[in-house]
Amino acid sequence: MKFFKLAMLAAFAVMIGSGSARAADECLAAQALVGKAIAHFNAVGKEKSFADFMDKGNKDWVNGELYVIVATMDGIFKAHAINPKLIDNPDLPSLKDVNGVMIIQEMIKAGKSGPNGAWAKYTWTHPETKKLAAKQTWVKPNGDLLFMAGCYPAS
């Protein structure tokens, strides 16, 4: 019985650890995806890169909840494969989360904070649990655009 309890505790610890590791990996992947998107944009130009970013079937740019968003410095989305209705939406920069955080304004602030990129943090519905969760989006400027990808960090 004691062995069984120890085995269960060990299994639980591995599950918790793997969830945290998965979240950390997801956030590292978001940062890497933004860097890759900027390199692609710089190599092939706006028209081709935006078409690629918007292609839901292209796993290089859209892989589940990991996808590229491109916005102007004013927070107007120009590429968003998961919800194309957000593109050129003038009301988007005033979007708030349940805690009153102005999400797009946080993204703009993160993007304008320096050339190396920064995290914008807010609350959003987690796609797997369907519950509100902490979310963060890696934002990096490139010219007059902001390149972004988000993740759900371990709590």
N, C-alpha and C. Protein backbone atom coordinates (compact mmCIF):
# COMPACT_ATOMS: atom_id res chain seq x y z
N MET A 1 0.82 -1.19 0.00
CA MET A 1 0.00 0.00 0.00
C MET A 1 0.87 1.26 0.00
N LYS A 2 1.92 1.23 0.80
CA LYS A 2 2.81 2.39 0.86
C LYS A 2 3.46 2.61 -0.51
N PHE A 3 3.85 1.53 -1.17
CA PHE A 3 4.45 1.64 -2.50
C PHE A 3 3.45 2.26 -3.48
N PHE A 4 2.19 1.82 -3.38
CA PHE A 4 1.15 2.34 -4.26
C PHE A 4 0.99 3.85 -4.09
N LYS A 5 0.97 4.32 -2.84
CA LYS A 5 0.84 5.75 -2.57
C LYS A 5 2.04 6.53 -3.13
N LEU A 6 3.23 5.98 -2.95
CA LEU A 6 4.43 6.63 -3.49
C LEU A 6 4.38 6.69 -5.01
N ALA A 7 3.94 5.60 -5.61
CA ALA A 7 3.85 5.55 -7.08
C ALA A 7 2.84 6.58 -7.58
N MET A 8 1.71 6.70 -6.88
CA MET A 8 0.69 7.67 -7.28
C MET A 8 1.22 9.11 -7.14
N LEU A 9 1.92 9.38 -6.05
CA LEU A 9 2.51 10.71 -5.84
C LEU A 9 3.53 11.03 -6.93
N ALA A 10 4.34 10.05 -7.26
CA ALA A 10 5.34 10.25 -8.31
C ALA A 10 4.67 10.52 -9.66
N ALA A 11 3.63 9.76 -9.96
CA ALA A 11 2.91 9.95 -11.22
C ALA A 11 2.27 11.33 -11.27
N PHE A 12 1.69 11.76 -10.15
CA PHE A 12 1.07 13.08 -10.08
C PHE A 12 2.12 14.17 -10.28
N ALA A 13 3.28 14.02 -9.67
CA ALA A 13 4.35 15.00 -9.81
C ALA A 13 4.82 15.10 -11.26
N VAL A 14 4.91 13.96 -11.93
CA VAL A 14 5.31 13.96 -13.33
C VAL A 14 4.26 14.66 -14.19
N MET A 15 2.97 14.42 -13.90
CA MET A 15 1.91 15.07 -14.66
C MET A 15 1.97 16.58 -14.48
N ILE A 16 2.14 17.03 -13.26
CA ILE A 16 2.22 18.47 -13.00
C ILE A 16 3.46 19.04 -13.68
N GLY A 17 4.56 18.38 -13.51
CA GLY A 17 5.81 18.84 -14.13
C GLY A 17 5.72 18.88 -15.64
N SER A 18 5.10 17.88 -16.23
CA SER A 18 5.01 17.85 -17.69
C SER A 18 4.08 18.94 -18.19
N GLY A 19 3.04 19.29 -17.43
CA GLY A 19 2.17 20.39 -17.82
C GLY A 19 2.92 21.70 -17.80
N SER A 20 3.73 21.90 -16.77
CA SER A 20 4.53 23.12 -16.68
C SER A 20 5.56 23.16 -17.79
N ALA A 21 6.18 22.03 -18.04
CA ALA A 21 7.18 21.96 -19.11
C ALA A 21 6.52 22.21 -20.46
N ARG A 22 5.34 21.65 -20.65
CA ARG A 22 4.63 21.85 -21.92
C ARG A 22 4.29 23.33 -22.10
N ALA A 23 3.83 23.99 -21.03
CA ALA A 23 3.52 25.42 -21.11
C ALA A 23 4.77 26.23 -21.40
N ALA A 24 5.86 25.89 -20.74
CA ALA A 24 7.13 26.60 -20.99
C ALA A 24 7.58 26.37 -22.43
N ASP A 25 7.45 25.13 -22.91
CA ASP A 25 7.82 24.83 -24.29
C ASP A 25 6.94 25.60 -25.27
N GLU A 26 5.64 25.71 -24.95
CA GLU A 26 4.71 26.44 -25.80
C GLU A 26 5.11 27.92 -25.88
N CYS A 27 5.52 28.49 -24.77
CA CYS A 27 5.92 29.90 -24.76
C CYS A 27 7.24 30.10 -25.50
N LEU A 28 8.16 29.17 -25.36
CA LEU A 28 9.40 29.24 -26.15
C LEU A 28 9.09 29.09 -27.63
N ALA A 29 8.14 28.21 -27.95
CA ALA A 29 7.75 28.02 -29.34
C ALA A 29 7.11 29.29 -29.90
N ALA A 30 6.35 30.01 -29.08
CA ALA A 30 5.73 31.26 -29.52
C ALA A 30 6.81 32.28 -29.88
N GLN A 31 7.82 32.39 -29.02
CA GLN A 31 8.92 33.31 -29.30
C GLN A 31 9.65 32.91 -30.59
N ALA A 32 9.91 31.63 -30.74
CA ALA A 32 10.60 31.15 -31.94
C ALA A 32 9.77 31.39 -33.19
N LEU A 33 8.45 31.19 -33.08
CA LEU A 33 7.58 31.39 -34.23
C LEU A 33 7.59 32.84 -34.69
N VAL A 34 7.62 33.77 -33.75
CA VAL A 34 7.68 35.19 -34.10
C VAL A 34 8.99 35.49 -34.85
N GLY A 35 10.09 34.98 -34.34
CA GLY A 35 11.37 35.19 -35.03
C GLY A 35 11.36 34.60 -36.43
N LYS A 36 10.80 33.41 -36.56
CA LYS A 36 10.71 32.75 -37.86
C LYS A 36 9.80 33.55 -38.81
N ALA A 37 8.70 34.08 -38.27
CA ALA A 37 7.76 34.86 -39.09
C ALA A 37 8.42 36.14 -39.61
N ILE A 38 9.17 36.80 -38.75
CA ILE A 38 9.86 38.02 -39.17
C ILE A 38 10.88 37.70 -40.26
N ALA A 39 11.63 36.63 -40.10
CA ALA A 39 12.61 36.23 -41.12
C ALA A 39 11.90 35.92 -42.44
N HIS A 40 10.77 35.24 -42.37
CA HIS A 40 10.00 34.90 -43.58
C HIS A 40 9.48 36.18 -44.25
N PHE A 41 8.92 37.06 -43.46
CA PHE A 41 8.42 38.34 -43.98
C PHE A 41 9.54 39.11 -44.68
N ASN A 42 10.69 39.19 -44.04
CA ASN A 42 11.82 39.91 -44.62
C ASN A 42 12.34 39.26 -45.90
N ALA A 43 12.21 37.94 -45.99
CA ALA A 43 12.71 37.21 -47.16
C ALA A 43 11.76 37.25 -48.35
N VAL A 44 10.44 37.11 -48.09
CA VAL A 44 9.49 36.96 -49.21
C VAL A 44 8.56 38.16 -49.38
N GLY A 45 8.56 39.07 -48.43
CA GLY A 45 7.71 40.25 -48.54
C GLY A 45 6.35 40.09 -47.89
N LYS A 46 5.66 41.20 -47.86
CA LYS A 46 4.37 41.28 -47.15
C LYS A 46 3.30 40.38 -47.77
N GLU A 47 3.09 40.50 -49.07
CA GLU A 47 1.99 39.78 -49.71
C GLU A 47 2.11 38.26 -49.53
N LYS A 48 3.27 37.72 -49.86
CA LYS A 48 3.47 36.27 -49.76
C LYS A 48 3.45 35.81 -48.30
N SER A 49 4.13 36.54 -47.42
CA SER A 49 4.18 36.10 -46.02
C SER A 49 2.80 36.16 -45.38
N PHE A 50 2.03 37.21 -45.64
CA PHE A 50 0.69 37.30 -45.07
C PHE A 50 -0.19 36.16 -45.57
N ALA A 51 -0.09 35.82 -46.86
CA ALA A 51 -0.85 34.69 -47.41
C ALA A 51 -0.45 33.40 -46.69
N ASP A 52 0.84 33.23 -46.46
CA ASP A 52 1.30 32.03 -45.75
C ASP A 52 0.79 32.01 -44.31
N PHE A 53 0.89 33.15 -43.62
CA PHE A 53 0.44 33.22 -42.22
C PHE A 53 -1.05 32.95 -42.09
N MET A 54 -1.82 33.30 -43.12
CA MET A 54 -3.28 33.14 -43.08
C MET A 54 -3.76 31.75 -43.50
N ASP A 55 -2.87 30.93 -44.01
CA ASP A 55 -3.22 29.59 -44.48
C ASP A 55 -3.32 28.62 -43.31
N LYS A 56 -4.55 28.31 -42.89
CA LYS A 56 -4.76 27.43 -41.72
C LYS A 56 -4.16 26.04 -41.92
N GLY A 57 -3.99 25.63 -43.15
CA GLY A 57 -3.42 24.32 -43.44
C GLY A 57 -1.90 24.28 -43.42
N ASN A 58 -1.28 25.43 -43.31
CA ASN A 58 0.18 25.50 -43.32
C ASN A 58 0.71 25.40 -41.89
N LYS A 59 1.17 24.22 -41.52
CA LYS A 59 1.62 23.94 -40.15
C LYS A 59 2.87 24.73 -39.76
N ASP A 60 3.54 25.34 -40.72
CA ASP A 60 4.67 26.19 -40.38
C ASP A 60 4.20 27.44 -39.63
N TRP A 61 2.96 27.87 -39.92
CA TRP A 61 2.47 29.13 -39.37
C TRP A 61 1.23 28.99 -38.51
N VAL A 62 0.50 27.90 -38.65
CA VAL A 62 -0.71 27.68 -37.86
C VAL A 62 -0.68 26.25 -37.36
N ASN A 63 -0.45 26.10 -36.06
CA ASN A 63 -0.36 24.76 -35.48
C ASN A 63 -1.15 24.77 -34.17
N GLY A 64 -2.44 24.47 -34.27
CA GLY A 64 -3.31 24.51 -33.09
C GLY A 64 -3.43 25.93 -32.59
N GLU A 65 -3.10 26.13 -31.32
CA GLU A 65 -3.19 27.45 -30.73
C GLU A 65 -1.94 28.30 -30.97
N LEU A 66 -1.00 27.76 -31.68
CA LEU A 66 0.22 28.50 -31.98
C LEU A 66 0.14 29.01 -33.43
N TYR A 67 0.01 30.32 -33.55
CA TYR A 67 -0.13 30.92 -34.87
C TYR A 67 0.40 32.35 -34.84
N VAL A 68 0.64 32.89 -36.02
CA VAL A 68 1.22 34.22 -36.16
C VAL A 68 0.10 35.25 -36.29
N ILE A 69 0.30 36.37 -35.61
CA ILE A 69 -0.55 37.55 -35.78
C ILE A 69 0.39 38.69 -36.18
N VAL A 70 -0.05 39.49 -37.13
CA VAL A 70 0.71 40.68 -37.51
C VAL A 70 -0.23 41.87 -37.37
N ALA A 71 0.27 42.94 -36.75
CA ALA A 71 -0.53 44.14 -36.54
C ALA A 71 0.28 45.38 -36.84
N THR A 72 -0.43 46.48 -37.07
CA THR A 72 0.23 47.77 -37.21
C THR A 72 0.65 48.25 -35.82
N MET A 73 1.41 49.30 -35.77
CA MET A 73 1.83 49.88 -34.49
C MET A 73 0.66 50.49 -33.73
N ASP A 74 -0.48 50.62 -34.39
CA ASP A 74 -1.70 51.13 -33.75
C ASP A 74 -2.62 49.99 -33.29
N GLY A 75 -2.17 48.75 -33.50
CA GLY A 75 -2.96 47.61 -33.04
C GLY A 75 -4.02 47.12 -34.00
N ILE A 76 -3.93 47.50 -35.25
CA ILE A 76 -4.86 47.00 -36.25
C ILE A 76 -4.28 45.72 -36.85
N PHE A 77 -4.99 44.61 -36.67
CA PHE A 77 -4.48 43.32 -37.16
C PHE A 77 -4.51 43.30 -38.69
N LYS A 78 -3.42 42.77 -39.26
CA LYS A 78 -3.29 42.62 -40.70
C LYS A 78 -3.22 41.16 -41.12
N ALA A 79 -2.88 40.27 -40.19
CA ALA A 79 -2.87 38.83 -40.45
C ALA A 79 -3.27 38.12 -39.17
N HIS A 80 -4.26 37.23 -39.27
CA HIS A 80 -4.74 36.43 -38.13
C HIS A 80 -5.52 35.26 -38.71
N ALA A 81 -4.88 34.11 -38.84
CA ALA A 81 -5.51 32.96 -39.50
C ALA A 81 -6.69 32.38 -38.73
N ILE A 82 -6.65 32.43 -37.42
CA ILE A 82 -7.69 31.79 -36.62
C ILE A 82 -9.00 32.58 -36.67
N ASN A 83 -8.91 33.90 -36.70
CA ASN A 83 -10.11 34.73 -36.75
C ASN A 83 -9.90 35.90 -37.72
N PRO A 84 -10.07 35.65 -39.02
CA PRO A 84 -9.85 36.70 -40.01
C PRO A 84 -10.78 37.91 -39.85
N LYS A 85 -11.89 37.75 -39.11
CA LYS A 85 -12.80 38.88 -38.88
C LYS A 85 -12.13 39.98 -38.06
N LEU A 86 -11.03 39.66 -37.39
CA LEU A 86 -10.32 40.65 -36.60
C LEU A 86 -9.44 41.57 -37.45
N ILE A 87 -9.20 41.18 -38.69
CA ILE A 87 -8.34 41.96 -39.58
C ILE A 87 -9.03 43.28 -39.95
N ASP A 88 -8.27 44.36 -39.83
CA ASP A 88 -8.73 45.71 -40.15
C ASP A 88 -9.94 46.16 -39.32
N ASN A 89 -10.11 45.58 -38.14
CA ASN A 89 -11.21 45.94 -37.25
C ASN A 89 -10.80 47.16 -36.42
N PRO A 90 -11.41 48.32 -36.66
CA PRO A 90 -10.99 49.53 -35.95
C PRO A 90 -11.34 49.53 -34.46
N ASP A 91 -12.24 48.64 -34.05
CA ASP A 91 -12.63 48.57 -32.63
C ASP A 91 -11.68 47.70 -31.82
N LEU A 92 -10.84 46.92 -32.48
CA LEU A 92 -9.97 45.97 -31.78
C LEU A 92 -9.04 46.61 -30.76
N PRO A 93 -8.44 47.76 -31.03
CA PRO A 93 -7.52 48.34 -30.04
C PRO A 93 -8.16 48.68 -28.69
N SER A 94 -9.48 48.70 -28.61
CA SER A 94 -10.14 48.98 -27.33
C SER A 94 -10.60 47.70 -26.61
N LEU A 95 -10.21 46.53 -27.11
CA LEU A 95 -10.59 45.25 -26.51
C LEU A 95 -10.02 45.11 -25.11
N LYS A 96 -10.89 44.74 -24.14
CA LYS A 96 -10.47 44.53 -22.75
C LYS A 96 -10.72 43.09 -22.35
N ASP A 97 -9.88 42.60 -21.43
CA ASP A 97 -10.15 41.28 -20.86
C ASP A 97 -11.10 41.45 -19.67
N VAL A 98 -11.41 40.35 -18.99
CA VAL A 98 -12.36 40.39 -17.88
C VAL A 98 -11.87 41.22 -16.70
N ASN A 99 -10.57 41.48 -16.65
CA ASN A 99 -10.00 42.28 -15.57
C ASN A 99 -9.79 43.74 -15.95
N GLY A 100 -10.27 44.11 -17.13
CA GLY A 100 -10.13 45.49 -17.57
C GLY A 100 -8.82 45.79 -18.27
N VAL A 101 -7.97 44.77 -18.47
CA VAL A 101 -6.71 44.98 -19.18
C VAL A 101 -7.03 45.21 -20.66
N MET A 102 -6.50 46.28 -21.19
CA MET A 102 -6.69 46.57 -22.61
C MET A 102 -5.67 45.75 -23.40
N ILE A 103 -6.12 44.62 -23.89
CA ILE A 103 -5.25 43.59 -24.47
C ILE A 103 -4.38 44.13 -25.60
N ILE A 104 -4.99 44.75 -26.57
CA ILE A 104 -4.23 45.20 -27.74
C ILE A 104 -3.28 46.33 -27.34
N GLN A 105 -3.71 47.17 -26.42
CA GLN A 105 -2.83 48.23 -25.95
C GLN A 105 -1.60 47.65 -25.25
N GLU A 106 -1.80 46.54 -24.52
CA GLU A 106 -0.66 45.84 -23.89
C GLU A 106 0.29 45.29 -24.95
N MET A 107 -0.29 44.77 -26.03
CA MET A 107 0.53 44.25 -27.13
C MET A 107 1.33 45.38 -27.77
N ILE A 108 0.68 46.51 -28.01
CA ILE A 108 1.36 47.66 -28.60
C ILE A 108 2.51 48.11 -27.68
N LYS A 109 2.20 48.22 -26.38
CA LYS A 109 3.22 48.66 -25.42
C LYS A 109 4.40 47.68 -25.40
N ALA A 110 4.11 46.39 -25.42
CA ALA A 110 5.19 45.39 -25.44
C ALA A 110 6.02 45.52 -26.71
N GLY A 111 5.35 45.70 -27.85
CA GLY A 111 6.05 45.81 -29.12
C GLY A 111 6.90 47.05 -29.23
N LYS A 112 6.45 48.12 -28.60
CA LYS A 112 7.19 49.38 -28.68
C LYS A 112 8.23 49.51 -27.57
N SER A 113 8.32 48.50 -26.70
CA SER A 113 9.24 48.60 -25.56
C SER A 113 10.71 48.43 -25.96
N GLY A 114 10.95 47.92 -27.14
CA GLY A 114 12.33 47.75 -27.60
C GLY A 114 12.40 46.76 -28.73
N PRO A 115 13.52 46.69 -29.40
CA PRO A 115 13.65 45.84 -30.59
C PRO A 115 13.72 44.34 -30.30
N ASN A 116 13.95 43.96 -29.06
CA ASN A 116 14.14 42.54 -28.74
C ASN A 116 12.85 41.79 -28.48
N GLY A 117 11.73 42.48 -28.35
CA GLY A 117 10.45 41.85 -28.07
C GLY A 117 10.15 41.81 -26.59
N ALA A 118 8.86 41.62 -26.27
CA ALA A 118 8.42 41.57 -24.88
C ALA A 118 7.07 40.84 -24.82
N TRP A 119 6.70 40.45 -23.62
CA TRP A 119 5.44 39.76 -23.39
C TRP A 119 4.33 40.75 -23.05
N ALA A 120 3.16 40.56 -23.64
CA ALA A 120 1.93 41.24 -23.24
C ALA A 120 1.13 40.19 -22.47
N LYS A 121 0.68 40.54 -21.26
CA LYS A 121 -0.01 39.56 -20.40
C LYS A 121 -1.45 40.00 -20.15
N TYR A 122 -2.36 39.02 -20.21
CA TYR A 122 -3.78 39.29 -20.03
C TYR A 122 -4.50 37.98 -19.73
N THR A 123 -5.82 38.03 -19.60
CA THR A 123 -6.63 36.85 -19.32
C THR A 123 -7.47 36.54 -20.55
N TRP A 124 -7.54 35.25 -20.89
CA TRP A 124 -8.27 34.82 -22.08
C TRP A 124 -8.83 33.43 -21.82
N THR A 125 -9.80 33.01 -22.59
CA THR A 125 -10.36 31.67 -22.44
C THR A 125 -9.39 30.64 -23.03
N HIS A 126 -9.02 29.67 -22.20
CA HIS A 126 -8.11 28.62 -22.67
C HIS A 126 -8.88 27.70 -23.61
N PRO A 127 -8.33 27.41 -24.79
CA PRO A 127 -9.07 26.61 -25.78
C PRO A 127 -9.34 25.17 -25.35
N GLU A 128 -8.51 24.61 -24.49
CA GLU A 128 -8.71 23.22 -24.06
C GLU A 128 -9.66 23.12 -22.88
N THR A 129 -9.46 23.98 -21.88
CA THR A 129 -10.28 23.89 -20.67
C THR A 129 -11.57 24.70 -20.77
N LYS A 130 -11.61 25.64 -21.70
CA LYS A 130 -12.73 26.57 -21.88
C LYS A 130 -12.95 27.45 -20.65
N LYS A 131 -11.90 27.57 -19.82
CA LYS A 131 -11.95 28.41 -18.63
C LYS A 131 -11.01 29.59 -18.82
N LEU A 132 -11.29 30.67 -18.10
CA LEU A 132 -10.40 31.82 -18.15
C LEU A 132 -9.04 31.44 -17.59
N ALA A 133 -8.00 31.91 -18.25
CA ALA A 133 -6.63 31.56 -17.85
C ALA A 133 -5.70 32.72 -18.21
N ALA A 134 -4.56 32.73 -17.53
CA ALA A 134 -3.52 33.70 -17.87
C ALA A 134 -2.99 33.36 -19.26
N LYS A 135 -2.87 34.37 -20.09
CA LYS A 135 -2.30 34.19 -21.42
C LYS A 135 -1.26 35.27 -21.62
N GLN A 136 -0.28 34.97 -22.43
CA GLN A 136 0.69 35.99 -22.78
C GLN A 136 1.03 35.85 -24.26
N THR A 137 1.31 36.99 -24.85
CA THR A 137 1.63 37.05 -26.27
C THR A 137 3.00 37.70 -26.43
N TRP A 138 3.88 37.00 -27.15
CA TRP A 138 5.20 37.53 -27.45
C TRP A 138 5.04 38.50 -28.61
N VAL A 139 5.51 39.71 -28.43
CA VAL A 139 5.35 40.77 -29.43
C VAL A 139 6.74 41.32 -29.77
N LYS A 140 7.02 41.35 -31.06
CA LYS A 140 8.31 41.87 -31.50
C LYS A 140 8.08 42.77 -32.71
N PRO A 141 8.68 43.97 -32.67
CA PRO A 141 8.52 44.87 -33.82
C PRO A 141 9.43 44.49 -34.97
N ASN A 142 8.96 44.81 -36.16
CA ASN A 142 9.77 44.67 -37.37
C ASN A 142 9.31 45.77 -38.32
N GLY A 143 10.14 46.79 -38.47
CA GLY A 143 9.72 47.94 -39.27
C GLY A 143 8.54 48.61 -38.60
N ASP A 144 7.46 48.80 -39.36
CA ASP A 144 6.27 49.45 -38.81
C ASP A 144 5.18 48.45 -38.44
N LEU A 145 5.57 47.19 -38.23
CA LEU A 145 4.61 46.14 -37.87
C LEU A 145 5.02 45.44 -36.58
N LEU A 146 4.01 44.85 -35.92
CA LEU A 146 4.23 44.02 -34.73
C LEU A 146 3.91 42.58 -35.10
N PHE A 147 4.84 41.68 -34.80
CA PHE A 147 4.65 40.25 -35.05
C PHE A 147 4.43 39.59 -33.69
N MET A 148 3.43 38.69 -33.64
CA MET A 148 3.02 38.14 -32.35
C MET A 148 2.65 36.67 -32.43
N ALA A 149 2.79 36.00 -31.29
CA ALA A 149 2.28 34.64 -31.09
C ALA A 149 2.07 34.48 -29.59
N GLY A 150 1.01 33.78 -29.21
CA GLY A 150 0.66 33.67 -27.79
C GLY A 150 0.76 32.27 -27.24
N CYS A 151 0.72 32.21 -25.90
CA CYS A 151 0.77 30.93 -25.20
C CYS A 151 0.10 31.07 -23.83
N TYR A 152 -0.16 29.95 -23.21
CA TYR A 152 -0.72 29.91 -21.87
C TYR A 152 0.36 29.40 -20.93
N PRO A 153 0.98 30.29 -20.15
CA PRO A 153 2.08 29.87 -19.27
C PRO A 153 1.56 29.02 -18.11
N ALA A 154 2.46 28.25 -17.53
CA ALA A 154 2.10 27.48 -16.33
C ALA A 154 1.75 28.45 -15.22
N SER A 155 0.69 28.12 -14.48
CA SER A 155 0.29 29.04 -13.41
C SER A 155 1.11 28.89 -12.18
